[in-house]
Amino acid sequence: RGISALLGAEVDIEVVGEASTAAQAIGRIR
């Protein structure tokens, strides 16, 4: 949440997804 808020506050950066495990991340990143 902290990183998402930090990056999302920048006008040139958009957080498009998040995950808490490796298994979740691979599918969501693809």
mmCIF file of all heavy atoms, coordinates in Angstrom:
data_MODEL
# 
_entry.id   MODEL 
# 
loop_
_atom_site.group_PDB 
_atom_site.id 
_atom_site.type_symbol 
_atom_site.label_atom_id 
_atom_site.label_alt_id 
_atom_site.label_comp_id 
_atom_site.label_asym_id 
_atom_site.label_entity_id 
_atom_site.label_seq_id 
_atom_site.pdbx_PDB_ins_code 
_atom_site.Cartn_x 
_atom_site.Cartn_y 
_atom_site.Cartn_z 
_atom_site.occupancy 
_atom_site.B_iso_or_equiv 
_atom_site.pdbx_formal_charge 
_atom_site.auth_seq_id 
_atom_site.auth_comp_id 
_atom_site.auth_asym_id 
_atom_site.auth_atom_id 
_atom_site.pdbx_PDB_model_num 
ATOM 1   N N   . ARG A 1 1  ? 0.828  -1.207  0.000   1.00 0.00 ? 1  ARG A N   1 
ATOM 2   C CA  . ARG A 1 1  ? 0.000  0.000   0.000   1.00 0.00 ? 1  ARG A CA  1 
ATOM 3   C C   . ARG A 1 1  ? 0.864  1.259   0.000   1.00 0.00 ? 1  ARG A C   1 
ATOM 4   O O   . ARG A 1 1  ? 0.561  2.239   -0.691  1.00 0.00 ? 1  ARG A O   1 
ATOM 5   C CB  . ARG A 1 1  ? -0.917 0.008   1.218   1.00 0.00 ? 1  ARG A CB  1 
ATOM 6   C CG  . ARG A 1 1  ? -2.083 -0.958  1.130   1.00 0.00 ? 1  ARG A CG  1 
ATOM 7   C CD  . ARG A 1 1  ? -3.025 -0.754  2.306   1.00 0.00 ? 1  ARG A CD  1 
ATOM 8   N NE  . ARG A 1 1  ? -4.179 -1.632  2.238   1.00 0.00 ? 1  ARG A NE  1 
ATOM 9   C CZ  . ARG A 1 1  ? -5.181 -1.589  3.118   1.00 0.00 ? 1  ARG A CZ  1 
ATOM 10  N NH1 . ARG A 1 1  ? -5.161 -0.716  4.117   1.00 0.00 ? 1  ARG A NH1 1 
ATOM 11  N NH2 . ARG A 1 1  ? -6.210 -2.417  2.997   1.00 0.00 ? 1  ARG A NH2 1 
ATOM 12  N N   . GLY A 1 2  ? 1.923  1.223   0.790   1.00 0.00 ? 2  GLY A N   1 
ATOM 13  C CA  . GLY A 1 2  ? 2.811  2.383   0.863   1.00 0.00 ? 2  GLY A CA  1 
ATOM 14  C C   . GLY A 1 2  ? 3.492  2.671   -0.463  1.00 0.00 ? 2  GLY A C   1 
ATOM 15  O O   . GLY A 1 2  ? 3.539  3.824   -0.916  1.00 0.00 ? 2  GLY A O   1 
ATOM 16  N N   . ILE A 1 3  ? 4.003  1.619   -1.099  1.00 0.00 ? 3  ILE A N   1 
ATOM 17  C CA  . ILE A 1 3  ? 4.675  1.807   -2.388  1.00 0.00 ? 3  ILE A CA  1 
ATOM 18  C C   . ILE A 1 3  ? 3.676  2.232   -3.451  1.00 0.00 ? 3  ILE A C   1 
ATOM 19  O O   . ILE A 1 3  ? 3.955  3.098   -4.280  1.00 0.00 ? 3  ILE A O   1 
ATOM 20  C CB  . ILE A 1 3  ? 5.392  0.509   -2.813  1.00 0.00 ? 3  ILE A CB  1 
ATOM 21  C CG1 . ILE A 1 3  ? 6.519  0.179   -1.823  1.00 0.00 ? 3  ILE A CG1 1 
ATOM 22  C CG2 . ILE A 1 3  ? 5.952  0.641   -4.218  1.00 0.00 ? 3  ILE A CG2 1 
ATOM 23  C CD1 . ILE A 1 3  ? 7.205  -1.139  -2.096  1.00 0.00 ? 3  ILE A CD1 1 
ATOM 24  N N   . SER A 1 4  ? 2.485  1.604   -3.423  1.00 0.00 ? 4  SER A N   1 
ATOM 25  C CA  . SER A 1 4  ? 1.452  1.954   -4.397  1.00 0.00 ? 4  SER A CA  1 
ATOM 26  C C   . SER A 1 4  ? 1.059  3.427   -4.276  1.00 0.00 ? 4  SER A C   1 
ATOM 27  O O   . SER A 1 4  ? 0.922  4.141   -5.285  1.00 0.00 ? 4  SER A O   1 
ATOM 28  C CB  . SER A 1 4  ? 0.220  1.065   -4.200  1.00 0.00 ? 4  SER A CB  1 
ATOM 29  O OG  . SER A 1 4  ? -0.786 1.381   -5.129  1.00 0.00 ? 4  SER A OG  1 
ATOM 30  N N   . ALA A 1 5  ? 0.890  3.897   -3.045  1.00 0.00 ? 5  ALA A N   1 
ATOM 31  C CA  . ALA A 1 5  ? 0.534  5.302   -2.824  1.00 0.00 ? 5  ALA A CA  1 
ATOM 32  C C   . ALA A 1 5  ? 1.663  6.224   -3.280  1.00 0.00 ? 5  ALA A C   1 
ATOM 33  O O   . ALA A 1 5  ? 1.422  7.278   -3.887  1.00 0.00 ? 5  ALA A O   1 
ATOM 34  C CB  . ALA A 1 5  ? 0.216  5.532   -1.356  1.00 0.00 ? 5  ALA A CB  1 
ATOM 35  N N   . LEU A 1 6  ? 2.900  5.822   -2.975  1.00 0.00 ? 6  LEU A N   1 
ATOM 36  C CA  . LEU A 1 6  ? 4.061  6.627   -3.355  1.00 0.00 ? 6  LEU A CA  1 
ATOM 37  C C   . LEU A 1 6  ? 4.164  6.762   -4.869  1.00 0.00 ? 6  LEU A C   1 
ATOM 38  O O   . LEU A 1 6  ? 4.297  7.876   -5.400  1.00 0.00 ? 6  LEU A O   1 
ATOM 39  C CB  . LEU A 1 6  ? 5.334  5.976   -2.802  1.00 0.00 ? 6  LEU A CB  1 
ATOM 40  C CG  . LEU A 1 6  ? 6.665  6.585   -3.245  1.00 0.00 ? 6  LEU A CG  1 
ATOM 41  C CD1 . LEU A 1 6  ? 6.864  7.944   -2.596  1.00 0.00 ? 6  LEU A CD1 1 
ATOM 42  C CD2 . LEU A 1 6  ? 7.818  5.647   -2.884  1.00 0.00 ? 6  LEU A CD2 1 
ATOM 43  N N   . LEU A 1 7  ? 4.095  5.628   -5.566  1.00 0.00 ? 7  LEU A N   1 
ATOM 44  C CA  . LEU A 1 7  ? 4.240  5.661   -7.014  1.00 0.00 ? 7  LEU A CA  1 
ATOM 45  C C   . LEU A 1 7  ? 3.013  6.265   -7.683  1.00 0.00 ? 7  LEU A C   1 
ATOM 46  O O   . LEU A 1 7  ? 3.123  7.006   -8.661  1.00 0.00 ? 7  LEU A O   1 
ATOM 47  C CB  . LEU A 1 7  ? 4.493  4.243   -7.550  1.00 0.00 ? 7  LEU A CB  1 
ATOM 48  C CG  . LEU A 1 7  ? 5.774  3.556   -7.076  1.00 0.00 ? 7  LEU A CG  1 
ATOM 49  C CD1 . LEU A 1 7  ? 5.870  2.155   -7.666  1.00 0.00 ? 7  LEU A CD1 1 
ATOM 50  C CD2 . LEU A 1 7  ? 7.011  4.367   -7.437  1.00 0.00 ? 7  LEU A CD2 1 
ATOM 51  N N   . GLY A 1 8  ? 1.822  5.935   -7.158  1.00 0.00 ? 8  GLY A N   1 
ATOM 52  C CA  . GLY A 1 8  ? 0.592  6.435   -7.749  1.00 0.00 ? 8  GLY A CA  1 
ATOM 53  C C   . GLY A 1 8  ? 0.439  7.937   -7.657  1.00 0.00 ? 8  GLY A C   1 
ATOM 54  O O   . GLY A 1 8  ? -0.329 8.544   -8.411  1.00 0.00 ? 8  GLY A O   1 
ATOM 55  N N   . ALA A 1 9  ? 1.170  8.545   -6.734  1.00 0.00 ? 9  ALA A N   1 
ATOM 56  C CA  . ALA A 1 9  ? 1.100  10.007  -6.587  1.00 0.00 ? 9  ALA A CA  1 
ATOM 57  C C   . ALA A 1 9  ? 1.873  10.726  -7.690  1.00 0.00 ? 9  ALA A C   1 
ATOM 58  O O   . ALA A 1 9  ? 1.731  11.940  -7.862  1.00 0.00 ? 9  ALA A O   1 
ATOM 59  C CB  . ALA A 1 9  ? 1.658  10.416  -5.220  1.00 0.00 ? 9  ALA A CB  1 
ATOM 60  N N   . GLU A 1 10 ? 2.699  9.974   -8.429  1.00 0.00 ? 10 GLU A N   1 
ATOM 61  C CA  . GLU A 1 10 ? 3.474  10.561  -9.522  1.00 0.00 ? 10 GLU A CA  1 
ATOM 62  C C   . GLU A 1 10 ? 2.628  10.567  -10.796 1.00 0.00 ? 10 GLU A C   1 
ATOM 63  O O   . GLU A 1 10 ? 2.015  9.559   -11.137 1.00 0.00 ? 10 GLU A O   1 
ATOM 64  C CB  . GLU A 1 10 ? 4.771  9.757   -9.757  1.00 0.00 ? 10 GLU A CB  1 
ATOM 65  C CG  . GLU A 1 10 ? 5.673  9.676   -8.540  1.00 0.00 ? 10 GLU A CG  1 
ATOM 66  C CD  . GLU A 1 10 ? 6.189  11.039  -8.107  1.00 0.00 ? 10 GLU A CD  1 
ATOM 67  O OE1 . GLU A 1 10 ? 6.493  11.865  -9.005  1.00 0.00 ? 10 GLU A OE1 1 
ATOM 68  O OE2 . GLU A 1 10 ? 6.277  11.285  -6.895  1.00 0.00 ? 10 GLU A OE2 1 
ATOM 69  N N   . VAL A 1 11 ? 2.607  11.694  -11.489 1.00 0.00 ? 11 VAL A N   1 
ATOM 70  C CA  . VAL A 1 11 ? 1.738  11.821  -12.653 1.00 0.00 ? 11 VAL A CA  1 
ATOM 71  C C   . VAL A 1 11 ? 2.182  10.964  -13.837 1.00 0.00 ? 11 VAL A C   1 
ATOM 72  O O   . VAL A 1 11 ? 1.385  10.699  -14.746 1.00 0.00 ? 11 VAL A O   1 
ATOM 73  C CB  . VAL A 1 11 ? 1.640  13.295  -13.102 1.00 0.00 ? 11 VAL A CB  1 
ATOM 74  C CG1 . VAL A 1 11 ? 0.930  14.120  -12.057 1.00 0.00 ? 11 VAL A CG1 1 
ATOM 75  C CG2 . VAL A 1 11 ? 3.027  13.869  -13.411 1.00 0.00 ? 11 VAL A CG2 1 
ATOM 76  N N   . ASP A 1 12 ? 3.433  10.513  -13.825 1.00 0.00 ? 12 ASP A N   1 
ATOM 77  C CA  . ASP A 1 12 ? 3.927  9.718   -14.947 1.00 0.00 ? 12 ASP A CA  1 
ATOM 78  C C   . ASP A 1 12 ? 3.991  8.226   -14.632 1.00 0.00 ? 12 ASP A C   1 
ATOM 79  O O   . ASP A 1 12 ? 4.545  7.450   -15.406 1.00 0.00 ? 12 ASP A O   1 
ATOM 80  C CB  . ASP A 1 12 ? 5.313  10.203  -15.373 1.00 0.00 ? 12 ASP A CB  1 
ATOM 81  C CG  . ASP A 1 12 ? 6.344  10.052  -14.274 1.00 0.00 ? 12 ASP A CG  1 
ATOM 82  O OD1 . ASP A 1 12 ? 5.984  10.253  -13.091 1.00 0.00 ? 12 ASP A OD1 1 
ATOM 83  O OD2 . ASP A 1 12 ? 7.502  9.721   -14.569 1.00 0.00 ? 12 ASP A OD2 1 
ATOM 84  N N   . ILE A 1 13 ? 3.437  7.810   -13.485 1.00 0.00 ? 13 ILE A N   1 
ATOM 85  C CA  . ILE A 1 13 ? 3.487  6.406   -13.087 1.00 0.00 ? 13 ILE A CA  1 
ATOM 86  C C   . ILE A 1 13 ? 2.088  5.923   -12.743 1.00 0.00 ? 13 ILE A C   1 
ATOM 87  O O   . ILE A 1 13 ? 1.327  6.608   -12.052 1.00 0.00 ? 13 ILE A O   1 
ATOM 88  C CB  . ILE A 1 13 ? 4.423  6.202   -11.879 1.00 0.00 ? 13 ILE A CB  1 
ATOM 89  C CG1 . ILE A 1 13 ? 5.861  6.583   -12.241 1.00 0.00 ? 13 ILE A CG1 1 
ATOM 90  C CG2 . ILE A 1 13 ? 4.376  4.749   -11.399 1.00 0.00 ? 13 ILE A CG2 1 
ATOM 91  C CD1 . ILE A 1 13 ? 6.835  6.511   -11.076 1.00 0.00 ? 13 ILE A CD1 1 
ATOM 92  N N   . GLU A 1 14 ? 1.751  4.722   -13.210 1.00 0.00 ? 14 GLU A N   1 
ATOM 93  C CA  . GLU A 1 14 ? 0.463  4.104   -12.909 1.00 0.00 ? 14 GLU A CA  1 
ATOM 94  C C   . GLU A 1 14 ? 0.702  2.689   -12.391 1.00 0.00 ? 14 GLU A C   1 
ATOM 95  O O   . GLU A 1 14 ? 1.395  1.900   -13.039 1.00 0.00 ? 14 GLU A O   1 
ATOM 96  C CB  . GLU A 1 14 ? -0.412 4.039   -14.165 1.00 0.00 ? 14 GLU A CB  1 
ATOM 97  C CG  . GLU A 1 14 ? -1.741 3.331   -13.946 1.00 0.00 ? 14 GLU A CG  1 
ATOM 98  C CD  . GLU A 1 14 ? -2.516 3.112   -15.233 1.00 0.00 ? 14 GLU A CD  1 
ATOM 99  O OE1 . GLU A 1 14 ? -1.969 3.421   -16.318 1.00 0.00 ? 14 GLU A OE1 1 
ATOM 100 O OE2 . GLU A 1 14 ? -3.646 2.612   -15.156 1.00 0.00 ? 14 GLU A OE2 1 
ATOM 101 N N   . VAL A 1 15 ? 0.160  2.371   -11.219 1.00 0.00 ? 15 VAL A N   1 
ATOM 102 C CA  . VAL A 1 15 ? 0.249  1.012   -10.676 1.00 0.00 ? 15 VAL A CA  1 
ATOM 103 C C   . VAL A 1 15 ? -0.889 0.205   -11.283 1.00 0.00 ? 15 VAL A C   1 
ATOM 104 O O   . VAL A 1 15 ? -2.066 0.475   -11.027 1.00 0.00 ? 15 VAL A O   1 
ATOM 105 C CB  . VAL A 1 15 ? 0.161  1.019   -9.138  1.00 0.00 ? 15 VAL A CB  1 
ATOM 106 C CG1 . VAL A 1 15 ? 0.182  -0.413  -8.602  1.00 0.00 ? 15 VAL A CG1 1 
ATOM 107 C CG2 . VAL A 1 15 ? 1.312  1.827   -8.539  1.00 0.00 ? 15 VAL A CG2 1 
ATOM 108 N N   . VAL A 1 16 ? -0.543 -0.792  -12.093 1.00 0.00 ? 16 VAL A N   1 
ATOM 109 C CA  . VAL A 1 16 ? -1.561 -1.542  -12.845 1.00 0.00 ? 16 VAL A CA  1 
ATOM 110 C C   . VAL A 1 16 ? -1.925 -2.877  -12.201 1.00 0.00 ? 16 VAL A C   1 
ATOM 111 O O   . VAL A 1 16 ? -2.848 -3.551  -12.656 1.00 0.00 ? 16 VAL A O   1 
ATOM 112 C CB  . VAL A 1 16 ? -1.096 -1.781  -14.294 1.00 0.00 ? 16 VAL A CB  1 
ATOM 113 C CG1 . VAL A 1 16 ? -0.932 -0.457  -15.022 1.00 0.00 ? 16 VAL A CG1 1 
ATOM 114 C CG2 . VAL A 1 16 ? 0.203  -2.582  -14.331 1.00 0.00 ? 16 VAL A CG2 1 
ATOM 115 N N   . GLY A 1 17 ? -1.219 -3.271  -11.141 1.00 0.00 ? 17 GLY A N   1 
ATOM 116 C CA  . GLY A 1 17 ? -1.539 -4.537  -10.494 1.00 0.00 ? 17 GLY A CA  1 
ATOM 117 C C   . GLY A 1 17 ? -0.663 -4.799  -9.301  1.00 0.00 ? 17 GLY A C   1 
ATOM 118 O O   . GLY A 1 17 ? 0.400  -4.191  -9.148  1.00 0.00 ? 17 GLY A O   1 
ATOM 119 N N   . GLU A 1 18 ? -1.136 -5.697  -8.441  1.00 0.00 ? 18 GLU A N   1 
ATOM 120 C CA  . GLU A 1 18 ? -0.399 -6.064  -7.235  1.00 0.00 ? 18 GLU A CA  1 
ATOM 121 C C   . GLU A 1 18 ? -0.572 -7.555  -6.969  1.00 0.00 ? 18 GLU A C   1 
ATOM 122 O O   . GLU A 1 18 ? -1.528 -8.180  -7.433  1.00 0.00 ? 18 GLU A O   1 
ATOM 123 C CB  . GLU A 1 18 ? -0.913 -5.280  -6.019  1.00 0.00 ? 18 GLU A CB  1 
ATOM 124 C CG  . GLU A 1 18 ? -0.796 -3.782  -6.112  1.00 0.00 ? 18 GLU A CG  1 
ATOM 125 C CD  . GLU A 1 18 ? -1.336 -3.083  -4.876  1.00 0.00 ? 18 GLU A CD  1 
ATOM 126 O OE1 . GLU A 1 18 ? -1.531 -3.765  -3.841  1.00 0.00 ? 18 GLU A OE1 1 
ATOM 127 O OE2 . GLU A 1 18 ? -1.582 -1.864  -4.928  1.00 0.00 ? 18 GLU A OE2 1 
ATOM 128 N N   . ALA A 1 19 ? 0.352  -8.114  -6.199  1.00 0.00 ? 19 ALA A N   1 
ATOM 129 C CA  . ALA A 1 19 ? 0.258  -9.505  -5.770  1.00 0.00 ? 19 ALA A CA  1 
ATOM 130 C C   . ALA A 1 19 ? 1.040  -9.668  -4.479  1.00 0.00 ? 19 ALA A C   1 
ATOM 131 O O   . ALA A 1 19 ? 1.944  -8.887  -4.182  1.00 0.00 ? 19 ALA A O   1 
ATOM 132 C CB  . ALA A 1 19 ? 0.799  -10.447 -6.846  1.00 0.00 ? 19 ALA A CB  1 
ATOM 133 N N   . SER A 1 20 ? 0.672  -10.698 -3.716  1.00 0.00 ? 20 SER A N   1 
ATOM 134 C CA  . SER A 1 20 ? 1.362  -10.974 -2.453  1.00 0.00 ? 20 SER A CA  1 
ATOM 135 C C   . SER A 1 20 ? 2.162  -12.269 -2.498  1.00 0.00 ? 20 SER A C   1 
ATOM 136 O O   . SER A 1 20 ? 2.910  -12.557 -1.573  1.00 0.00 ? 20 SER A O   1 
ATOM 137 C CB  . SER A 1 20 ? 0.354  -11.035 -1.305  1.00 0.00 ? 20 SER A CB  1 
ATOM 138 O OG  . SER A 1 20 ? -0.596 -12.069 -1.527  1.00 0.00 ? 20 SER A OG  1 
ATOM 139 N N   . THR A 1 21 ? 1.988  -13.062 -3.573  1.00 0.00 ? 21 THR A N   1 
ATOM 140 C CA  . THR A 1 21 ? 2.720  -14.327 -3.693  1.00 0.00 ? 21 THR A CA  1 
ATOM 141 C C   . THR A 1 21 ? 3.286  -14.453 -5.101  1.00 0.00 ? 21 THR A C   1 
ATOM 142 O O   . THR A 1 21 ? 2.814  -13.807 -6.041  1.00 0.00 ? 21 THR A O   1 
ATOM 143 C CB  . THR A 1 21 ? 1.807  -15.536 -3.425  1.00 0.00 ? 21 THR A CB  1 
ATOM 144 O OG1 . THR A 1 21 ? 0.820  -15.625 -4.480  1.00 0.00 ? 21 THR A OG1 1 
ATOM 145 C CG2 . THR A 1 21 ? 1.108  -15.420 -2.078  1.00 0.00 ? 21 THR A CG2 1 
ATOM 146 N N   . ALA A 1 22 ? 4.286  -15.330 -5.230  1.00 0.00 ? 22 ALA A N   1 
ATOM 147 C CA  . ALA A 1 22 ? 4.887  -15.568 -6.543  1.00 0.00 ? 22 ALA A CA  1 
ATOM 148 C C   . ALA A 1 22 ? 3.863  -16.165 -7.498  1.00 0.00 ? 22 ALA A C   1 
ATOM 149 O O   . ALA A 1 22 ? 3.803  -15.796 -8.678  1.00 0.00 ? 22 ALA A O   1 
ATOM 150 C CB  . ALA A 1 22 ? 6.085  -16.497 -6.391  1.00 0.00 ? 22 ALA A CB  1 
ATOM 151 N N   . ALA A 1 23 ? 3.032  -17.086 -7.000  1.00 0.00 ? 23 ALA A N   1 
ATOM 152 C CA  . ALA A 1 23 ? 2.032  -17.738 -7.847  1.00 0.00 ? 23 ALA A CA  1 
ATOM 153 C C   . ALA A 1 23 ? 1.042  -16.732 -8.416  1.00 0.00 ? 23 ALA A C   1 
ATOM 154 O O   . ALA A 1 23 ? 0.680  -16.791 -9.595  1.00 0.00 ? 23 ALA A O   1 
ATOM 155 C CB  . ALA A 1 23 ? 1.300  -18.808 -7.047  1.00 0.00 ? 23 ALA A CB  1 
ATOM 156 N N   . GLN A 1 24 ? 0.600  -15.797 -7.581  1.00 0.00 ? 24 GLN A N   1 
ATOM 157 C CA  . GLN A 1 24 ? -0.315 -14.761 -8.049  1.00 0.00 ? 24 GLN A CA  1 
ATOM 158 C C   . GLN A 1 24 ? 0.377  -13.856 -9.076  1.00 0.00 ? 24 GLN A C   1 
ATOM 159 O O   . GLN A 1 24 ? -0.215 -13.485 -10.099 1.00 0.00 ? 24 GLN A O   1 
ATOM 160 C CB  . GLN A 1 24 ? -0.776 -13.887 -6.885  1.00 0.00 ? 24 GLN A CB  1 
ATOM 161 C CG  . GLN A 1 24 ? -1.718 -14.536 -5.900  1.00 0.00 ? 24 GLN A CG  1 
ATOM 162 C CD  . GLN A 1 24 ? -2.025 -13.602 -4.732  1.00 0.00 ? 24 GLN A CD  1 
ATOM 163 O OE1 . GLN A 1 24 ? -1.380 -12.570 -4.551  1.00 0.00 ? 24 GLN A OE1 1 
ATOM 164 N NE2 . GLN A 1 24 ? -3.008 -13.971 -3.933  1.00 0.00 ? 24 GLN A NE2 1 
ATOM 165 N N   . ALA A 1 25 ? 1.598  -13.507 -8.786  1.00 0.00 ? 25 ALA A N   1 
ATOM 166 C CA  . ALA A 1 25 ? 2.299  -12.494 -9.578  1.00 0.00 ? 25 ALA A CA  1 
ATOM 167 C C   . ALA A 1 25 ? 2.502  -12.908 -11.027 1.00 0.00 ? 25 ALA A C   1 
ATOM 168 O O   . ALA A 1 25 ? 2.270  -12.100 -11.935 1.00 0.00 ? 25 ALA A O   1 
ATOM 169 C CB  . ALA A 1 25 ? 3.643  -12.177 -8.939  1.00 0.00 ? 25 ALA A CB  1 
ATOM 170 N N   . ILE A 1 26 ? 2.898  -14.138 -11.257 1.00 0.00 ? 26 ILE A N   1 
ATOM 171 C CA  . ILE A 1 26 ? 3.246  -14.543 -12.620 1.00 0.00 ? 26 ILE A CA  1 
ATOM 172 C C   . ILE A 1 26 ? 2.056  -14.377 -13.564 1.00 0.00 ? 26 ILE A C   1 
ATOM 173 O O   . ILE A 1 26 ? 2.168  -13.783 -14.640 1.00 0.00 ? 26 ILE A O   1 
ATOM 174 C CB  . ILE A 1 26 ? 3.775  -15.987 -12.623 1.00 0.00 ? 26 ILE A CB  1 
ATOM 175 C CG1 . ILE A 1 26 ? 5.153  -16.030 -11.929 1.00 0.00 ? 26 ILE A CG1 1 
ATOM 176 C CG2 . ILE A 1 26 ? 3.898  -16.508 -14.055 1.00 0.00 ? 26 ILE A CG2 1 
ATOM 177 C CD1 . ILE A 1 26 ? 5.714  -17.410 -11.754 1.00 0.00 ? 26 ILE A CD1 1 
ATOM 178 N N   . GLY A 1 27 ? 0.884  -14.876 -13.159 1.00 0.00 ? 27 GLY A N   1 
ATOM 179 C CA  . GLY A 1 27 ? -0.296 -14.745 -14.005 1.00 0.00 ? 27 GLY A CA  1 
ATOM 180 C C   . GLY A 1 27 ? -0.746 -13.307 -14.169 1.00 0.00 ? 27 GLY A C   1 
ATOM 181 O O   . GLY A 1 27 ? -1.109 -12.875 -15.272 1.00 0.00 ? 27 GLY A O   1 
ATOM 182 N N   . ARG A 1 28 ? -0.706 -12.553 -13.086 1.00 0.00 ? 28 ARG A N   1 
ATOM 183 C CA  . ARG A 1 28 ? -1.171 -11.162 -13.149 1.00 0.00 ? 28 ARG A CA  1 
ATOM 184 C C   . ARG A 1 28 ? -0.230 -10.281 -13.955 1.00 0.00 ? 28 ARG A C   1 
ATOM 185 O O   . ARG A 1 28 ? -0.662 -9.362  -14.647 1.00 0.00 ? 28 ARG A O   1 
ATOM 186 C CB  . ARG A 1 28 ? -1.341 -10.618 -11.730 1.00 0.00 ? 28 ARG A CB  1 
ATOM 187 C CG  . ARG A 1 28 ? -2.469 -11.290 -10.969 1.00 0.00 ? 28 ARG A CG  1 
ATOM 188 C CD  . ARG A 1 28 ? -2.606 -10.774 -9.540  1.00 0.00 ? 28 ARG A CD  1 
ATOM 189 N NE  . ARG A 1 28 ? -3.629 -11.522 -8.815  1.00 0.00 ? 28 ARG A NE  1 
ATOM 190 C CZ  . ARG A 1 28 ? -3.937 -11.314 -7.532  1.00 0.00 ? 28 ARG A CZ  1 
ATOM 191 N NH1 . ARG A 1 28 ? -3.297 -10.367 -6.835  1.00 0.00 ? 28 ARG A NH1 1 
ATOM 192 N NH2 . ARG A 1 28 ? -4.868 -12.033 -6.944  1.00 0.00 ? 28 ARG A NH2 1 
ATOM 193 N N   . ILE A 1 29 ? 1.060  -10.532 -13.852 1.00 0.00 ? 29 ILE A N   1 
ATOM 194 C CA  . ILE A 1 29 ? 2.021  -9.737  -14.630 1.00 0.00 ? 29 ILE A CA  1 
ATOM 195 C C   . ILE A 1 29 ? 1.849  -10.036 -16.119 1.00 0.00 ? 29 ILE A C   1 
ATOM 196 O O   . ILE A 1 29 ? 1.880  -9.129  -16.958 1.00 0.00 ? 29 ILE A O   1 
ATOM 197 C CB  . ILE A 1 29 ? 3.468  -10.018 -14.177 1.00 0.00 ? 29 ILE A CB  1 
ATOM 198 C CG1 . ILE A 1 29 ? 3.695  -9.446  -12.776 1.00 0.00 ? 29 ILE A CG1 1 
ATOM 199 C CG2 . ILE A 1 29 ? 4.475  -9.411  -15.159 1.00 0.00 ? 29 ILE A CG2 1 
ATOM 200 C CD1 . ILE A 1 29 ? 5.035  -9.798  -12.167 1.00 0.00 ? 29 ILE A CD1 1 
ATOM 201 N N   . ARG A 1 30 ? 1.637  -11.290 -16.460 1.00 0.00 ? 30 ARG A N   1 
ATOM 202 C CA  . ARG A 1 30 ? 1.420  -11.632 -17.868 1.00 0.00 ? 30 ARG A CA  1 
ATOM 203 C C   . ARG A 1 30 ? 0.144  -10.981 -18.393 1.00 0.00 ? 30 ARG A C   1 
ATOM 204 O O   . ARG A 1 30 ? 0.062  -10.598 -19.567 1.00 0.00 ? 30 ARG A O   1 
ATOM 205 C CB  . ARG A 1 30 ? 1.344  -13.150 -18.026 1.00 0.00 ? 30 ARG A CB  1 
ATOM 206 C CG  . ARG A 1 30 ? 2.682  -13.845 -17.848 1.00 0.00 ? 30 ARG A CG  1 
ATOM 207 C CD  . ARG A 1 30 ? 2.541  -15.348 -17.897 1.00 0.00 ? 30 ARG A CD  1 
ATOM 208 N NE  . ARG A 1 30 ? 3.825  -16.026 -17.751 1.00 0.00 ? 30 ARG A NE  1 
ATOM 209 C CZ  . ARG A 1 30 ? 3.966  -17.327 -17.583 1.00 0.00 ? 30 ARG A CZ  1 
ATOM 210 N NH1 . ARG A 1 30 ? 2.887  -18.108 -17.541 1.00 0.00 ? 30 ARG A NH1 1 
ATOM 211 N NH2 . ARG A 1 30 ? 5.152  -17.861 -17.461 1.00 0.00 ? 30 ARG A NH2 1 
# 
